[in-house]
């Protein structure tokens, strides 16, 4: 018998056929979960069925990251995986890598596929993120003209800094043409050269937010030369735009807070900085003024005028001391002179004359001290207290005075 094969060879051949089929290596299969069983090893065994048939499935423990919920029988799911043959049993089965619930599942798979593609292209890389300016003058907003999102952005921006100009592009954020409208708004605000652009809307289902998962929106955000803040949905909502944007805000209100600085805080900080700068400046001025006054005092003392004034003062002091000494000497001399005068008065002939004594001179002017100088008939001048008497000598005789 020719061309006889073993079971293993047949199963291996069939497996190779599955492996070589490109479609079966990455396939989405939709169906209802049945016979779901969580194994102690971490693997999940289950079947997918619909009205026409059943396919066996397994998700190994290493792929459990692709499952975000606990599977139960009766759930409608979409499974991403590959179809291959388990050689031992000769049965083919679906090896699951990711599992999502049906309904939003298809959109979610498109979301994950685009996310992975753009991430591989580097559009999520941090080195391409532009920094958000700390202080802005104009804020561009791409969102619906009505709704809570735009009101929150306007109210918070006005409260934080009323001097920031807000430019709103009223875009469609849901339904047909929404992605194109958002792209047009981004490009128009970029032409306006605003400082920052907020792109967003309020929360909703994945279908409602799908415009922000479109590739054209992601590329418009990535290519924009103006920093873009993504503010789509609520805090738990995530879109492709969030990953591409320069900054992701959990809500539109948070986006306004991130884009617009707090004016009062800036003013208080500037005031504090002004005071912090003022204190050392005033201290320095005070120190320099004191040093200047000290230098001026030293200069004043060293000035020739000061030296001259000091010499003049010294000369005036010497003059006063000399004058004082001279006056003291004059007082002493006057006192001594007065004493001498008194003594002289006691010895003065004139003073004697006033007491009855007389002073006699010869005619030739000699003082008579002896009778021998008085010749008979000679003329004598006799001085008394009030005048002179001219007398003529008639006789002269000696007189004996009693001894003392």
Foldseek 3Di string as FASTA:
>chain_A
DPDDDDLLVVLVVQQVVQVPDPDQAKDKDKAFWAPWDQDPQRKIWTWGDDPPGIFTEIEHNVLCVQEDDDDDGGFIKIFIFGWGADSVVSGIHTHGNHMDGPDCHVVVVVLVVVLVVVVVVVLLPLVLFDDADQAFQEEEEEEAPDDDLVVLLVVLQCQQPVRRHYHYQHAQQADPPRLVRSLVSLVVVLVVVGQEYEYEYEADDCRRRVSQQDPSNLVSQSPRPHQYEYAYYAQPDDHSNCSNGSHYDRHSNRVSPVNHHRPVVVVVVVVVVVVVVVVVVVVVVVVVVVVVVVVVVVCVCVPVVNVVVVVVVVVVVVVVVVVVVVVVVVVVVVVVVVVVVVVVCVVPVLNVLAVVDKWKAFPVGHTDDDLVVADAQGWMWIGHNPGIDIDGHHDGDDDDDDDD
